[in-house]
Amino acid sequence: MSRLPSLNGLRAFEAAARHMSFTKAAAELNVTQTAISHQIKRLEDELGLRLFVRQNRTLVLTTEAREYLPGIRAAFQDLRLATERLKQRENANVLIVSTLASLAAKWLVPRLSKFQDLHPTIDVRVTTSTALIDFEREGVDAGIRYGLGHWPGLRSDWLMADEMFPVCSPALLKGRHPLRNVDDLANFTLLHTSDAYEDDWRVWLTAAGKSANPSQHPGLTFDLIFMTVQAAIDGLGIAMGRTAYVEADIAQGRLVVPFDLVIPSAAGFYLVCPEATADQPKIAAFRDWLKASASRDKGTLAPPLHLAARR
């Protein structure tokens, strides 16, 4: 069998021929232009022929190089495809999901065992971030995000609505201060969440026809909503709850809803993923399960639940 020429030299030749530039080939392969020149010179020595000539400061392929290039290009394409197929087989059962830390803690993680029961061969890996996802660069398959559902280039599937209302520990209702109407909030500590949710109390108080300045009340502020919810469970004050973050605690009696006023949000939670990979079996299975799970959760905050808790 004839000895094959240097693989590095062939890579340099294919990249330089595709760009018709040693500089661009060097940038693509993350080496210096000098390294590309040396690799191609070594390849020319091994082959015993020239591949490039310079004419008027431009690169030109020799006749031999033009005949050689299609086979080399096809070989590298075959290598890329084979590697991609191998990666797809290795990753076919690994599902990487990015979501918000609070949503993961309060909604997603408590439900994941049911997904595992249905799909035991899919290895779910959850990562948390508030930043937008670069799916290809970060190796993420799908994300659960909060918004209006418009993310260019991505498929977005509606999961659940978001509603806003105060919540507190049932023990707080048995304290020395009554909590019968909105004016009674003046006797309690308000629990706030910064950043995306920092305006929640003002919006709710305005809708209730009361002061729109929550700073008039004593308060505590946390940077993650699941910490705010936990502070409410621990009796530190009254939190502005969001449906996905408090429904399980309400159902288990750890929180109650002291007022009837619920503010709907125009935004909600969506499963998002690149359109090109949206129908991969593992993503489709996760999407179907998420939508079914969110649908089953509807009605958790039915009036009898929190009104009964107040009596």
Protein backbone atom coordinates (compact mmCIF):
# COMPACT_ATOMS: atom_id res chain seq x y z
CA MET A 1 0.00 0.00 0.00
CA SER A 2 1.34 3.42 -0.96
CA ARG A 3 2.26 5.69 1.94
CA LEU A 4 -0.23 8.53 2.44
CA PRO A 5 1.06 12.09 2.56
CA SER A 6 0.91 14.22 5.72
CA LEU A 7 -2.65 14.65 7.01
CA ASN A 8 -1.79 18.15 8.26
CA GLY A 9 -0.50 19.00 4.82
CA LEU A 10 -3.69 17.74 3.19
CA ARG A 11 -5.84 19.75 5.62
CA ALA A 12 -3.80 22.87 4.88
CA PHE A 13 -4.09 22.27 1.13
CA GLU A 14 -7.87 21.70 1.25
CA ALA A 15 -8.49 24.81 3.39
CA ALA A 16 -6.15 27.02 1.34
CA ALA A 17 -7.70 25.82 -1.93
CA ARG A 18 -11.22 26.43 -0.61
CA HIS A 19 -10.40 29.98 0.52
CA MET A 20 -7.68 30.60 -2.09
CA SER A 21 -5.82 32.24 0.77
CA PHE A 22 -3.13 31.02 3.16
CA THR A 23 -4.23 33.68 5.66
CA LYS A 24 -7.86 32.52 5.78
CA ALA A 25 -6.80 28.89 5.90
CA ALA A 26 -4.56 29.68 8.89
CA ALA A 27 -7.45 31.42 10.68
CA GLU A 28 -9.77 28.45 10.08
CA LEU A 29 -7.24 25.88 11.32
CA ASN A 30 -6.09 28.13 14.19
CA VAL A 31 -2.42 28.16 13.14
CA THR A 32 -0.12 30.81 11.72
CA GLN A 33 0.18 31.65 8.04
CA THR A 34 3.79 30.49 8.23
CA ALA A 35 2.66 27.09 9.47
CA ILE A 36 0.26 26.75 6.50
CA SER A 37 3.09 27.63 4.10
CA HIS A 38 5.40 25.04 5.69
CA GLN A 39 2.73 22.31 5.66
CA ILE A 40 1.91 22.88 2.00
CA LYS A 41 5.63 23.03 1.08
CA ARG A 42 6.15 19.70 2.85
CA LEU A 43 3.15 18.22 1.02
CA GLU A 44 4.50 19.45 -2.33
CA ASP A 45 7.86 17.81 -1.50
CA GLU A 46 6.13 14.53 -0.61
CA LEU A 47 4.08 14.57 -3.81
CA GLY A 48 6.96 15.80 -5.95
CA LEU A 49 4.86 18.55 -7.61
CA ARG A 50 3.68 22.09 -7.06
CA LEU A 51 0.14 22.81 -5.88
CA PHE A 52 0.02 26.63 -5.84
CA VAL A 53 1.61 29.42 -7.84
CA ARG A 54 1.37 33.13 -7.16
CA GLN A 55 0.16 35.42 -9.93
CA ASN A 56 -0.31 39.15 -9.33
CA ARG A 57 -0.45 38.64 -5.54
CA THR A 58 -3.13 35.99 -5.83
CA LEU A 59 -3.00 32.23 -5.40
CA VAL A 60 -3.67 29.98 -8.37
CA LEU A 61 -4.01 26.21 -8.31
CA THR A 62 -1.77 24.26 -10.65
CA THR A 63 -3.30 21.81 -13.11
CA GLU A 64 -2.22 18.91 -10.89
CA ALA A 65 -3.78 20.55 -7.82
CA ARG A 66 -7.11 21.09 -9.57
CA GLU A 67 -7.20 17.38 -10.43
CA TYR A 68 -6.13 16.37 -6.90
CA LEU A 69 -8.51 18.69 -4.97
CA PRO A 70 -11.92 16.99 -5.57
CA GLY A 71 -10.73 13.67 -4.14
CA ILE A 72 -9.13 15.35 -1.10
CA ARG A 73 -12.24 17.49 -0.52
CA ALA A 74 -14.50 14.42 -0.75
CA ALA A 75 -12.27 12.50 1.67
CA PHE A 76 -12.45 15.26 4.28
CA GLN A 77 -16.19 15.55 3.79
CA ASP A 78 -16.51 11.81 4.37
CA LEU A 79 -14.44 12.17 7.55
CA ARG A 80 -16.65 15.03 8.77
CA LEU A 81 -19.84 13.07 8.07
CA ALA A 82 -18.51 9.93 9.73
CA THR A 83 -17.49 11.91 12.81
CA GLU A 84 -20.86 13.65 12.95
CA ARG A 85 -22.70 10.34 12.69
CA LEU A 86 -20.54 8.95 15.50
CA LYS A 87 -21.29 11.97 17.71
CA GLN A 88 -24.99 11.70 16.97
CA ARG A 89 -24.98 8.04 18.03
CA GLU A 90 -23.10 8.90 21.20
CA ASN A 91 -25.41 11.82 21.98
CA ALA A 92 -28.68 10.29 20.79
CA ASN A 93 -29.71 9.50 24.35
CA VAL A 94 -28.16 12.53 26.08
CA LEU A 95 -30.54 15.48 26.39
CA ILE A 96 -29.03 18.74 27.64
CA VAL A 97 -31.67 21.22 28.82
CA SER A 98 -31.01 24.81 29.84
CA THR A 99 -33.46 26.68 32.04
CA LEU A 100 -33.73 29.25 34.82
CA ALA A 101 -32.35 28.17 38.19
CA SER A 102 -35.59 28.89 40.05
CA LEU A 103 -37.74 27.09 37.48
CA ALA A 104 -35.43 24.09 37.64
CA ALA A 105 -35.59 23.98 41.45
CA LYS A 106 -39.31 24.64 41.91
CA TRP A 107 -40.92 23.11 38.82
CA LEU A 108 -38.74 21.00 36.52
CA VAL A 109 -36.61 18.88 38.85
CA PRO A 110 -39.50 17.64 41.04
CA ARG A 111 -41.18 16.26 37.89
CA LEU A 112 -38.17 14.73 36.13
CA SER A 113 -38.56 11.31 37.72
CA LYS A 114 -41.81 10.87 35.77
CA PHE A 115 -39.99 11.60 32.51
CA GLN A 116 -37.29 9.10 33.45
CA ASP A 117 -39.95 6.48 34.13
CA LEU A 118 -41.35 7.01 30.62
CA HIS A 119 -37.97 7.31 28.87
CA PRO A 120 -35.35 5.44 30.91
CA THR A 121 -32.82 5.43 28.05
CA ILE A 122 -32.66 9.24 27.80
CA ASP A 123 -30.01 10.81 30.01
CA VAL A 124 -31.28 14.29 30.96
CA ARG A 125 -28.71 16.88 31.98
CA VAL A 126 -30.02 20.18 33.33
CA THR A 127 -27.99 23.37 33.21
CA THR A 128 -29.15 26.77 34.45
CA SER A 129 -28.59 30.20 32.98
CA THR A 130 -30.40 33.51 32.57
CA ALA A 131 -28.52 34.33 29.35
CA LEU A 132 -29.67 33.56 25.82
CA ILE A 133 -28.43 30.21 24.57
CA ASP A 134 -25.98 29.65 21.73
CA PHE A 135 -27.21 26.10 21.13
CA GLU A 136 -24.39 24.97 18.85
CA ARG A 137 -21.52 26.54 20.78
CA GLU A 138 -22.80 25.47 24.21
CA GLY A 139 -23.94 22.01 23.13
CA VAL A 140 -27.47 22.53 24.48
CA ASP A 141 -30.37 20.62 22.94
CA ALA A 142 -33.32 22.62 24.29
CA GLY A 143 -34.12 25.44 26.67
CA ILE A 144 -37.08 26.45 28.81
CA ARG A 145 -37.38 30.21 28.66
CA TYR A 146 -39.75 32.93 29.79
CA GLY A 147 -41.04 35.44 27.25
CA LEU A 148 -43.52 36.10 24.48
CA GLY A 149 -42.46 33.18 22.31
CA HIS A 150 -40.59 35.12 19.61
CA TRP A 151 -37.00 33.94 19.19
CA PRO A 152 -35.76 34.19 15.57
CA GLY A 153 -34.47 30.94 14.10
CA LEU A 154 -35.85 28.84 16.95
CA ARG A 155 -38.92 26.70 17.34
CA SER A 156 -40.86 27.71 20.46
CA ASP A 157 -43.61 25.60 22.01
CA TRP A 158 -45.96 27.06 24.60
CA LEU A 159 -45.82 25.29 27.96
CA MET A 160 -47.71 27.32 30.55
CA ALA A 161 -48.99 30.73 31.50
CA ASP A 162 -47.61 32.85 34.31
CA GLU A 163 -49.82 34.48 36.94
CA MET A 164 -48.83 36.72 39.80
CA PHE A 165 -50.33 36.83 43.31
CA PRO A 166 -49.17 37.13 46.96
CA VAL A 167 -48.36 33.99 48.94
CA CYS A 168 -47.36 33.38 52.53
CA SER A 169 -46.94 30.69 55.14
CA PRO A 170 -50.22 29.56 56.75
CA ALA A 171 -48.54 30.21 60.10
CA LEU A 172 -48.38 33.89 59.22
CA LEU A 173 -52.19 34.06 59.13
CA LYS A 174 -52.30 32.85 62.71
CA GLY A 175 -50.02 35.61 64.00
CA ARG A 176 -50.94 38.69 65.99
CA HIS A 177 -51.65 40.79 62.86
CA PRO A 178 -54.71 39.99 60.75
CA LEU A 179 -54.43 39.71 56.96
CA ARG A 180 -57.97 40.28 55.76
CA ASN A 181 -57.45 43.01 53.16
CA VAL A 182 -54.70 44.76 51.22
CA ASP A 183 -54.35 47.53 53.81
CA ASP A 184 -53.22 44.91 56.33
CA LEU A 185 -50.02 44.40 54.27
CA ALA A 186 -48.62 47.45 56.08
CA ASN A 187 -48.08 45.21 59.12
CA PHE A 188 -46.06 42.59 57.24
CA THR A 189 -42.66 42.29 55.61
CA LEU A 190 -42.84 42.15 51.81
CA LEU A 191 -40.47 39.73 50.11
CA HIS A 192 -39.07 40.88 46.76
CA THR A 193 -37.13 39.31 43.89
CA SER A 194 -34.68 41.53 42.02
CA ASP A 195 -34.10 41.96 38.27
CA ALA A 196 -36.90 40.50 36.10
CA TYR A 197 -39.41 40.34 38.97
CA GLU A 198 -38.55 43.52 40.85
CA ASP A 199 -41.70 45.31 39.62
CA ASP A 200 -44.17 42.59 40.65
CA TRP A 201 -45.33 44.12 43.92
CA ARG A 202 -45.87 47.55 42.34
CA VAL A 203 -47.95 46.01 39.53
CA TRP A 204 -50.07 43.97 41.92
CA LEU A 205 -50.63 46.83 44.39
CA THR A 206 -51.63 49.13 41.54
CA ALA A 207 -54.15 46.56 40.31
CA ALA A 208 -55.47 46.32 43.87
CA GLY A 209 -56.04 50.08 43.88
CA LYS A 210 -53.43 50.76 46.54
CA SER A 211 -50.08 52.48 46.84
CA ALA A 212 -47.80 51.61 43.95
CA ASN A 213 -44.67 52.18 46.05
CA PRO A 214 -43.65 48.94 47.76
CA SER A 215 -40.72 50.74 49.43
CA GLN A 216 -43.27 52.15 51.87
CA HIS A 217 -43.43 48.65 53.37
CA PRO A 218 -40.58 46.88 55.21
CA GLY A 219 -39.02 44.34 52.90
CA LEU A 220 -36.38 41.76 52.07
CA THR A 221 -34.97 41.24 48.55
CA PHE A 222 -33.46 38.10 47.00
CA ASP A 223 -31.82 37.63 43.60
CA LEU A 224 -33.57 34.32 42.77
CA ILE A 225 -37.30 33.78 43.03
CA PHE A 226 -37.00 30.31 44.57
CA MET A 227 -35.14 31.96 47.49
CA THR A 228 -37.98 34.46 47.85
CA VAL A 229 -40.48 31.60 47.88
CA GLN A 230 -38.47 29.73 50.49
CA ALA A 231 -38.38 32.86 52.66
CA ALA A 232 -42.18 32.96 52.47
CA ILE A 233 -42.41 29.27 53.43
CA ASP A 234 -40.17 30.02 56.41
CA GLY A 235 -42.52 32.78 57.56
CA LEU A 236 -40.23 35.75 56.89
CA GLY A 237 -42.97 37.69 55.12
CA ILE A 238 -45.32 37.78 52.16
CA ALA A 239 -43.91 37.05 48.69
CA MET A 240 -45.24 37.87 45.25
CA GLY A 241 -45.66 34.40 43.84
CA ARG A 242 -45.57 33.18 40.26
CA THR A 243 -47.63 30.15 39.29
CA ALA A 244 -44.84 27.76 38.27
CA TYR A 245 -42.76 28.59 41.34
CA VAL A 246 -45.41 28.21 44.05
CA GLU A 247 -48.09 25.77 42.86
CA ALA A 248 -46.45 22.71 44.42
CA ASP A 249 -45.98 24.47 47.76
CA ILE A 250 -49.63 25.59 47.73
CA ALA A 251 -50.80 22.07 46.94
CA GLN A 252 -48.70 20.72 49.85
CA GLY A 253 -49.98 23.36 52.27
CA ARG A 254 -46.62 25.08 52.72
CA LEU A 255 -48.04 28.29 51.23
CA VAL A 256 -51.48 29.88 51.03
CA VAL A 257 -52.90 32.62 48.83
CA PRO A 258 -54.38 35.31 51.11
CA PHE A 259 -56.09 37.42 48.41
CA ASP A 260 -58.28 36.68 45.42
CA LEU A 261 -56.60 39.12 43.05
CA VAL A 262 -54.50 37.26 40.45
CA ILE A 263 -52.66 39.23 37.74
CA PRO A 264 -52.14 37.35 34.44
CA SER A 265 -48.96 37.96 32.49
CA ALA A 266 -48.71 38.35 28.73
CA ALA A 267 -45.52 36.29 28.84
CA GLY A 268 -45.18 32.63 29.67
CA PHE A 269 -42.84 29.65 29.57
CA TYR A 270 -41.78 28.03 26.28
CA LEU A 271 -39.61 25.14 25.23
CA VAL A 272 -37.19 26.47 22.62
CA CYS A 273 -34.73 24.67 20.35
CA PRO A 274 -33.15 25.12 16.90
CA GLU A 275 -35.59 24.39 14.10
CA ALA A 276 -33.06 22.03 12.47
CA THR A 277 -33.03 19.69 15.48
CA ALA A 278 -36.56 20.21 16.80
CA ASP A 279 -37.80 16.80 15.64
CA GLN A 280 -34.99 14.71 17.06
CA PRO A 281 -36.62 11.83 18.98
CA LYS A 282 -35.17 12.80 22.36
CA ILE A 283 -36.28 16.44 21.99
CA ALA A 284 -39.71 15.47 20.69
CA ALA A 285 -40.19 13.08 23.63
CA PHE A 286 -39.18 15.77 26.13
CA ARG A 287 -41.45 18.33 24.45
CA ASP A 288 -44.46 16.02 24.51
CA TRP A 289 -43.88 15.18 28.16
CA LEU A 290 -43.39 18.83 29.17
CA LYS A 291 -46.58 19.95 27.43
CA ALA A 292 -48.57 17.12 28.98
CA SER A 293 -47.11 17.83 32.42
CA ALA A 294 -47.87 21.55 32.18
CA SER A 295 -51.40 20.77 30.98
CA ARG A 296 -52.04 18.50 33.97
CA ASP A 297 -50.94 21.29 36.30
CA LYS A 298 -53.72 23.60 35.17
CA GLY A 299 -56.22 24.23 37.90
CA THR A 300 -53.76 23.83 40.77
CA LEU A 301 -54.76 27.28 42.02
CA ALA A 302 -58.51 26.71 41.86
CA PRO A 303 -60.33 29.06 44.28
CA PRO A 304 -61.35 26.36 46.79
CA LEU A 305 -57.69 25.61 47.45
CA HIS A 306 -56.63 29.00 48.73
CA LEU A 307 -60.00 30.20 50.02
CA ALA A 308 -60.28 27.12 52.20
CA ALA A 309 -56.78 27.77 53.50
CA ARG A 310 -57.93 31.18 54.75
CA ARG A 311 -60.85 29.88 56.84
